[in-house]
Amino acid sequence: MTDTTEKIINQILAVPHGKVSGYRDIAFRAGIPNGARQTVRVLHSMSEKYSLPWHRIIRSNGSIALEGVGREMQINLLLAEGIEVSPNGRIDMEKFGI
């Protein structure tokens, strides 16, 4: 695992129960400006292996990026943590973001 990947994983793991963060914000806190896509790649390839709370990572504008079954699963996981999701799949970042 690269140092960059480890930093991203640590930032994902730091998002607490009941809160969300954006792909871009995770990368920024990991010291990787413009690293949103790298955050997505880490989530896609390592969520299961490292038990990452992938459902807490969304677009920085508060919207859910996934479509289909993945979107429904993400919404259900967020709701189970008390995170309010609007009917169009948006989360209030002021209230639930870190």
N, C-alpha and C. Protein backbone atom coordinates (compact mmCIF):
# COMPACT_ATOMS: atom_id res chain seq x y z
N MET A 1 0.85 -1.18 0.00
CA MET A 1 0.00 0.00 0.00
C MET A 1 0.89 1.24 0.00
N THR A 2 0.52 2.21 -0.81
CA THR A 2 1.31 3.44 -0.87
C THR A 2 0.97 4.33 0.32
N ASP A 3 1.85 5.28 0.57
CA ASP A 3 1.64 6.25 1.64
C ASP A 3 0.37 7.06 1.37
N THR A 4 0.14 7.42 0.12
CA THR A 4 -1.04 8.19 -0.26
C THR A 4 -2.31 7.40 0.03
N THR A 5 -2.32 6.14 -0.36
CA THR A 5 -3.49 5.29 -0.10
C THR A 5 -3.75 5.18 1.39
N GLU A 6 -2.70 5.00 2.16
CA GLU A 6 -2.86 4.88 3.61
C GLU A 6 -3.44 6.16 4.21
N LYS A 7 -2.99 7.31 3.73
CA LYS A 7 -3.52 8.58 4.21
C LYS A 7 -5.00 8.72 3.90
N ILE A 8 -5.40 8.32 2.70
CA ILE A 8 -6.81 8.38 2.31
C ILE A 8 -7.63 7.45 3.19
N ILE A 9 -7.16 6.22 3.38
CA ILE A 9 -7.87 5.26 4.22
C ILE A 9 -8.04 5.81 5.63
N ASN A 10 -7.00 6.40 6.18
CA ASN A 10 -7.09 6.95 7.54
C ASN A 10 -8.12 8.07 7.63
N GLN A 11 -8.22 8.88 6.59
CA GLN A 11 -9.20 9.97 6.59
C GLN A 11 -10.63 9.43 6.45
N ILE A 12 -10.80 8.39 5.66
CA ILE A 12 -12.12 7.77 5.53
C ILE A 12 -12.54 7.18 6.88
N LEU A 13 -11.62 6.48 7.52
CA LEU A 13 -11.92 5.87 8.81
C LEU A 13 -12.20 6.91 9.90
N ALA A 14 -11.74 8.13 9.71
CA ALA A 14 -11.94 9.20 10.69
C ALA A 14 -13.32 9.84 10.62
N VAL A 15 -14.10 9.51 9.60
CA VAL A 15 -15.45 10.08 9.48
C VAL A 15 -16.33 9.34 10.48
N PRO A 16 -16.83 10.04 11.50
CA PRO A 16 -17.59 9.37 12.57
C PRO A 16 -19.00 8.94 12.16
N HIS A 17 -19.52 8.01 12.91
CA HIS A 17 -20.90 7.57 12.77
C HIS A 17 -21.82 8.80 12.80
N GLY A 18 -22.77 8.86 11.87
CA GLY A 18 -23.70 9.98 11.84
C GLY A 18 -23.22 11.22 11.12
N LYS A 19 -22.06 11.11 10.48
CA LYS A 19 -21.50 12.23 9.72
C LYS A 19 -21.09 11.76 8.33
N VAL A 20 -20.91 12.70 7.41
CA VAL A 20 -20.47 12.40 6.05
C VAL A 20 -19.33 13.35 5.68
N SER A 21 -18.63 12.98 4.62
CA SER A 21 -17.58 13.84 4.07
C SER A 21 -17.55 13.65 2.57
N GLY A 22 -17.04 14.64 1.87
CA GLY A 22 -16.95 14.58 0.42
C GLY A 22 -15.66 13.91 -0.04
N TYR A 23 -15.70 13.32 -1.23
CA TYR A 23 -14.50 12.69 -1.82
C TYR A 23 -13.35 13.70 -1.84
N ARG A 24 -13.64 14.91 -2.29
CA ARG A 24 -12.64 15.96 -2.38
C ARG A 24 -12.08 16.33 -1.01
N ASP A 25 -12.97 16.39 -0.01
CA ASP A 25 -12.55 16.77 1.33
C ASP A 25 -11.67 15.71 1.97
N ILE A 26 -11.97 14.46 1.71
CA ILE A 26 -11.12 13.36 2.21
C ILE A 26 -9.72 13.53 1.64
N ALA A 27 -9.64 13.73 0.34
CA ALA A 27 -8.33 13.89 -0.32
C ALA A 27 -7.59 15.10 0.23
N PHE A 28 -8.29 16.20 0.39
CA PHE A 28 -7.67 17.42 0.90
C PHE A 28 -7.07 17.19 2.29
N ARG A 29 -7.86 16.55 3.17
CA ARG A 29 -7.36 16.29 4.53
C ARG A 29 -6.21 15.28 4.53
N ALA A 30 -6.14 14.45 3.48
CA ALA A 30 -5.03 13.50 3.35
C ALA A 30 -3.80 14.16 2.74
N GLY A 31 -3.92 15.44 2.38
CA GLY A 31 -2.79 16.16 1.80
C GLY A 31 -2.64 15.96 0.31
N ILE A 32 -3.76 15.63 -0.36
CA ILE A 32 -3.73 15.38 -1.79
C ILE A 32 -4.72 16.32 -2.49
N PRO A 33 -4.30 17.54 -2.77
CA PRO A 33 -5.20 18.46 -3.47
C PRO A 33 -5.61 17.86 -4.82
N ASN A 34 -6.82 18.06 -5.20
CA ASN A 34 -7.35 17.51 -6.46
C ASN A 34 -7.31 15.99 -6.49
N GLY A 35 -7.47 15.35 -5.34
CA GLY A 35 -7.39 13.89 -5.25
C GLY A 35 -8.72 13.19 -5.09
N ALA A 36 -9.82 13.83 -5.47
CA ALA A 36 -11.14 13.22 -5.30
C ALA A 36 -11.24 11.88 -6.02
N ARG A 37 -10.72 11.81 -7.23
CA ARG A 37 -10.80 10.55 -7.98
C ARG A 37 -9.98 9.45 -7.30
N GLN A 38 -8.88 9.84 -6.69
CA GLN A 38 -8.08 8.85 -5.98
C GLN A 38 -8.85 8.32 -4.77
N THR A 39 -9.60 9.18 -4.11
CA THR A 39 -10.46 8.75 -3.01
C THR A 39 -11.48 7.74 -3.52
N VAL A 40 -12.07 8.01 -4.66
CA VAL A 40 -13.05 7.09 -5.25
C VAL A 40 -12.40 5.74 -5.54
N ARG A 41 -11.20 5.74 -6.09
CA ARG A 41 -10.52 4.48 -6.41
C ARG A 41 -10.23 3.68 -5.14
N VAL A 42 -9.80 4.36 -4.09
CA VAL A 42 -9.54 3.66 -2.82
C VAL A 42 -10.84 3.06 -2.29
N LEU A 43 -11.90 3.82 -2.30
CA LEU A 43 -13.18 3.30 -1.83
C LEU A 43 -13.63 2.10 -2.65
N HIS A 44 -13.49 2.20 -3.95
CA HIS A 44 -13.94 1.13 -4.84
C HIS A 44 -13.14 -0.15 -4.63
N SER A 45 -11.84 -0.02 -4.47
CA SER A 45 -10.99 -1.21 -4.42
C SER A 45 -10.69 -1.73 -3.02
N MET A 46 -10.90 -0.92 -1.99
CA MET A 46 -10.45 -1.33 -0.65
C MET A 46 -11.49 -1.26 0.45
N SER A 47 -12.72 -0.87 0.14
CA SER A 47 -13.74 -0.72 1.18
C SER A 47 -13.98 -2.01 1.95
N GLU A 48 -14.11 -3.10 1.22
CA GLU A 48 -14.39 -4.37 1.88
C GLU A 48 -13.18 -4.86 2.67
N LYS A 49 -12.01 -4.81 2.07
CA LYS A 49 -10.79 -5.31 2.72
C LYS A 49 -10.49 -4.60 4.03
N TYR A 50 -10.72 -3.29 4.08
CA TYR A 50 -10.39 -2.49 5.25
C TYR A 50 -11.62 -2.04 6.05
N SER A 51 -12.77 -2.60 5.74
CA SER A 51 -14.03 -2.25 6.42
C SER A 51 -14.24 -0.74 6.47
N LEU A 52 -14.08 -0.11 5.32
CA LEU A 52 -14.23 1.35 5.23
C LEU A 52 -15.71 1.73 5.25
N PRO A 53 -16.06 2.79 5.95
CA PRO A 53 -17.45 3.26 5.96
C PRO A 53 -17.75 4.03 4.66
N TRP A 54 -17.74 3.30 3.57
CA TRP A 54 -17.87 3.89 2.23
C TRP A 54 -19.13 4.73 2.09
N HIS A 55 -20.19 4.33 2.79
CA HIS A 55 -21.48 5.02 2.66
C HIS A 55 -21.44 6.44 3.20
N ARG A 56 -20.45 6.77 4.02
CA ARG A 56 -20.34 8.12 4.59
C ARG A 56 -19.62 9.09 3.67
N ILE A 57 -19.13 8.61 2.54
CA ILE A 57 -18.38 9.47 1.63
C ILE A 57 -19.27 9.77 0.41
N ILE A 58 -19.51 11.06 0.20
CA ILE A 58 -20.43 11.50 -0.84
C ILE A 58 -19.78 12.64 -1.63
N ARG A 59 -20.52 13.18 -2.56
CA ARG A 59 -20.01 14.36 -3.28
C ARG A 59 -19.97 15.54 -2.32
N SER A 60 -19.05 16.45 -2.57
CA SER A 60 -18.88 17.59 -1.67
C SER A 60 -20.09 18.53 -1.67
N ASN A 61 -20.95 18.42 -2.67
CA ASN A 61 -22.15 19.25 -2.69
C ASN A 61 -23.31 18.61 -1.92
N GLY A 62 -23.05 17.45 -1.29
CA GLY A 62 -24.06 16.78 -0.48
C GLY A 62 -24.87 15.75 -1.22
N SER A 63 -24.57 15.50 -2.48
CA SER A 63 -25.36 14.52 -3.23
C SER A 63 -24.66 13.15 -3.25
N ILE A 64 -25.47 12.14 -3.45
CA ILE A 64 -24.97 10.77 -3.53
C ILE A 64 -24.61 10.49 -4.98
N ALA A 65 -23.41 9.94 -5.18
CA ALA A 65 -22.92 9.71 -6.54
C ALA A 65 -23.43 8.40 -7.14
N LEU A 66 -23.69 7.42 -6.31
CA LEU A 66 -24.08 6.10 -6.82
C LEU A 66 -25.47 6.10 -7.42
N GLU A 67 -25.70 5.14 -8.29
CA GLU A 67 -27.01 4.94 -8.91
C GLU A 67 -27.47 3.52 -8.61
N GLY A 68 -28.73 3.23 -8.84
CA GLY A 68 -29.26 1.88 -8.74
C GLY A 68 -29.24 1.31 -7.33
N VAL A 69 -28.94 0.01 -7.26
CA VAL A 69 -28.96 -0.71 -5.99
C VAL A 69 -27.96 -0.12 -5.00
N GLY A 70 -26.79 0.27 -5.47
CA GLY A 70 -25.78 0.86 -4.60
C GLY A 70 -26.28 2.13 -3.93
N ARG A 71 -27.03 2.92 -4.70
CA ARG A 71 -27.59 4.17 -4.17
C ARG A 71 -28.59 3.86 -3.04
N GLU A 72 -29.46 2.90 -3.28
CA GLU A 72 -30.45 2.52 -2.28
C GLU A 72 -29.77 2.01 -1.01
N MET A 73 -28.73 1.20 -1.18
CA MET A 73 -28.00 0.67 -0.04
C MET A 73 -27.35 1.80 0.74
N GLN A 74 -26.73 2.75 0.03
CA GLN A 74 -26.06 3.86 0.69
C GLN A 74 -27.07 4.70 1.47
N ILE A 75 -28.19 5.01 0.87
CA ILE A 75 -29.22 5.79 1.54
C ILE A 75 -29.69 5.08 2.80
N ASN A 76 -29.94 3.78 2.70
CA ASN A 76 -30.40 3.03 3.87
C ASN A 76 -29.37 3.02 4.99
N LEU A 77 -28.10 2.87 4.65
CA LEU A 77 -27.04 2.90 5.66
C LEU A 77 -26.94 4.28 6.33
N LEU A 78 -27.07 5.33 5.52
CA LEU A 78 -27.02 6.68 6.08
C LEU A 78 -28.22 6.94 6.99
N LEU A 79 -29.40 6.54 6.55
CA LEU A 79 -30.59 6.72 7.38
C LEU A 79 -30.47 5.96 8.70
N ALA A 80 -29.88 4.77 8.66
CA ALA A 80 -29.69 3.97 9.87
C ALA A 80 -28.77 4.66 10.87
N GLU A 81 -27.92 5.57 10.40
CA GLU A 81 -27.03 6.33 11.28
C GLU A 81 -27.64 7.67 11.69
N GLY A 82 -28.89 7.91 11.28
CA GLY A 82 -29.56 9.15 11.65
C GLY A 82 -29.28 10.31 10.72
N ILE A 83 -28.65 10.03 9.60
CA ILE A 83 -28.36 11.08 8.61
C ILE A 83 -29.58 11.26 7.72
N GLU A 84 -30.08 12.46 7.65
CA GLU A 84 -31.26 12.75 6.83
C GLU A 84 -30.86 12.86 5.37
N VAL A 85 -31.61 12.15 4.53
CA VAL A 85 -31.37 12.17 3.08
C VAL A 85 -32.66 12.63 2.42
N SER A 86 -32.57 13.68 1.62
CA SER A 86 -33.76 14.20 0.95
C SER A 86 -34.23 13.20 -0.11
N PRO A 87 -35.46 13.37 -0.59
CA PRO A 87 -35.98 12.47 -1.62
C PRO A 87 -35.12 12.42 -2.89
N ASN A 88 -34.39 13.51 -3.18
CA ASN A 88 -33.53 13.52 -4.37
C ASN A 88 -32.09 13.10 -4.04
N GLY A 89 -31.88 12.54 -2.84
CA GLY A 89 -30.58 11.99 -2.49
C GLY A 89 -29.53 13.00 -2.05
N ARG A 90 -29.96 14.05 -1.39
CA ARG A 90 -29.01 15.07 -0.91
C ARG A 90 -28.98 15.09 0.62
N ILE A 91 -27.80 15.44 1.12
CA ILE A 91 -27.57 15.52 2.56
C ILE A 91 -27.14 16.94 2.89
N ASP A 92 -27.65 17.47 3.96
CA ASP A 92 -27.29 18.81 4.42
C ASP A 92 -25.88 18.75 4.98
N MET A 93 -24.90 19.28 4.25
CA MET A 93 -23.50 19.22 4.66
C MET A 93 -23.23 20.09 5.88
N GLU A 94 -24.01 21.13 6.07
CA GLU A 94 -23.82 21.98 7.26
C GLU A 94 -24.20 21.22 8.52
N LYS A 95 -25.20 20.38 8.41
CA LYS A 95 -25.69 19.63 9.55
C LYS A 95 -24.93 18.32 9.76
N PHE A 96 -24.62 17.60 8.67
CA PHE A 96 -24.05 16.27 8.79
C PHE A 96 -22.60 16.13 8.29
N GLY A 97 -22.08 17.17 7.69
CA GLY A 97 -20.71 17.10 7.17
C GLY A 97 -19.66 17.35 8.23
N ILE A 98 -18.46 16.85 7.94
CA ILE A 98 -17.33 17.16 8.84
C ILE A 98 -16.31 17.97 8.05
